[in-house]
Amino acid sequence: SAISISKDEQLKGMIKNSTIAESRFLDSLGMSESEREDKLLKDIVIKAKQKKKNLEKDTGIELSISEEDIKEFVREVEVNRNDYDKDNDNDNQEEEEKGNK
């Protein structure tokens, strides 16, 4: 249903934001890439499953995203994190330039 798709997208947004934030934090701790990925998968899957459960409870609709989908998406976000960081840096630079005019 449209609501299920919408809630799946909401959950994916949370997964993306959490993965990027936690990955940056783990980077700051000097974790190796493999240690970071293991910790990310563990932590984000726990958070995402809880969020999924809450969304399903609130809407009464079962979401289609599986634990494997969550893990795959976390890996995808982690691989593409540099692109997300660049996009955010460009957005921030554009905002700063607008503010200086």
Protein backbone atom coordinates (compact mmCIF):
# COMPACT_ATOMS: atom_id res chain seq x y z
CA SER A 1 0.00 0.00 0.00
CA ALA A 2 1.00 3.64 -0.33
CA ILE A 3 1.24 4.02 3.45
CA SER A 4 3.58 1.02 3.69
CA ILE A 5 5.82 2.45 0.96
CA SER A 6 5.81 5.84 2.67
CA LYS A 7 6.75 4.32 6.03
CA ASP A 8 9.47 2.17 4.38
CA GLU A 9 10.94 5.39 2.95
CA GLN A 10 10.68 7.09 6.34
CA LEU A 11 12.54 4.16 7.91
CA LYS A 12 15.21 4.26 5.19
CA GLY A 13 15.71 7.98 5.85
CA MET A 14 16.28 7.25 9.53
CA ILE A 15 18.70 4.43 8.63
CA LYS A 16 20.64 6.72 6.26
CA ASN A 17 20.92 9.57 8.77
CA SER A 18 21.83 7.25 11.64
CA THR A 19 24.41 5.39 9.55
CA ILE A 20 26.13 8.60 8.42
CA ALA A 21 26.15 10.12 11.92
CA GLU A 22 27.37 6.97 13.63
CA SER A 23 29.95 6.30 10.92
CA ARG A 24 31.40 9.80 11.38
CA PHE A 25 31.52 9.25 15.12
CA LEU A 26 33.25 5.88 14.75
CA ASP A 27 35.73 7.51 12.34
CA SER A 28 36.56 10.05 15.04
CA LEU A 29 37.38 7.16 17.38
CA GLY A 30 39.87 5.81 14.84
CA MET A 31 38.08 2.52 14.23
CA SER A 32 39.19 0.38 11.34
CA GLU A 33 36.85 0.01 8.38
CA SER A 34 35.92 -3.58 9.26
CA GLU A 35 35.35 -2.74 12.94
CA ARG A 36 33.22 0.25 11.92
CA GLU A 37 31.10 -1.80 9.53
CA ASP A 38 30.48 -4.52 12.13
CA LYS A 39 29.47 -1.98 14.76
CA LEU A 40 27.34 0.00 12.32
CA LEU A 41 25.46 -3.08 11.18
CA LYS A 42 24.82 -4.21 14.73
CA ASP A 43 23.77 -0.81 16.09
CA ILE A 44 21.75 0.44 13.12
CA VAL A 45 19.90 -2.87 12.67
CA ILE A 46 18.83 -2.72 16.33
CA LYS A 47 17.64 0.90 15.96
CA ALA A 48 15.92 0.24 12.63
CA LYS A 49 14.10 -2.85 13.89
CA GLN A 50 12.81 -0.88 16.88
CA LYS A 51 11.72 2.02 14.63
CA LYS A 52 10.04 -0.46 12.24
CA LYS A 53 8.20 -2.06 15.15
CA ASN A 54 7.01 1.37 16.36
CA LEU A 55 5.89 2.42 12.86
CA GLU A 56 3.97 -0.85 12.43
CA LYS A 57 2.35 -0.42 15.84
CA ASP A 58 1.39 3.20 15.08
CA THR A 59 -0.02 2.48 11.62
CA GLY A 60 -1.26 -1.10 12.00
CA ILE A 61 0.49 -1.84 8.69
CA GLU A 62 3.32 -4.31 8.28
CA LEU A 63 6.34 -2.79 6.56
CA SER A 64 8.01 -4.69 3.76
CA ILE A 65 11.62 -3.89 4.67
CA SER A 66 13.47 -6.92 6.07
CA GLU A 67 16.53 -7.19 8.30
CA GLU A 68 18.59 -8.14 5.23
CA ASP A 69 17.26 -5.05 3.42
CA ILE A 70 18.35 -2.94 6.38
CA LYS A 71 21.85 -4.43 6.38
CA GLU A 72 22.18 -3.97 2.62
CA PHE A 73 21.04 -0.35 2.87
CA VAL A 74 23.50 0.36 5.73
CA ARG A 75 26.33 -1.03 3.60
CA GLU A 76 25.18 1.05 0.61
CA VAL A 77 25.04 4.24 2.68
CA GLU A 78 28.48 3.51 4.16
CA VAL A 79 29.99 2.93 0.71
CA ASN A 80 28.43 6.15 -0.60
CA ARG A 81 29.04 8.20 2.54
CA ASN A 82 31.76 10.29 0.92
CA ASP A 83 29.27 11.35 -1.75
CA TYR A 84 26.72 12.30 0.92
CA ASP A 85 29.39 14.25 2.79
CA LYS A 86 30.37 16.12 -0.42
CA ASP A 87 26.72 16.92 -1.17
CA ASN A 88 26.25 18.28 2.35
CA ASP A 89 29.44 20.32 2.11
CA ASN A 90 28.26 21.80 -1.21
CA ASP A 91 24.83 22.57 0.26
CA ASN A 92 26.42 24.24 3.30
CA GLN A 93 28.79 26.26 1.08
CA GLU A 94 25.86 27.42 -1.08
CA GLU A 95 23.94 28.47 2.04
CA GLU A 96 26.96 30.39 3.34
CA GLU A 97 27.40 32.13 -0.02
CA LYS A 98 23.72 33.15 -0.04
CA GLY A 99 24.09 34.51 3.49
CA ASN A 100 27.10 36.61 2.47
CA LYS A 101 25.26 38.39 -0.35
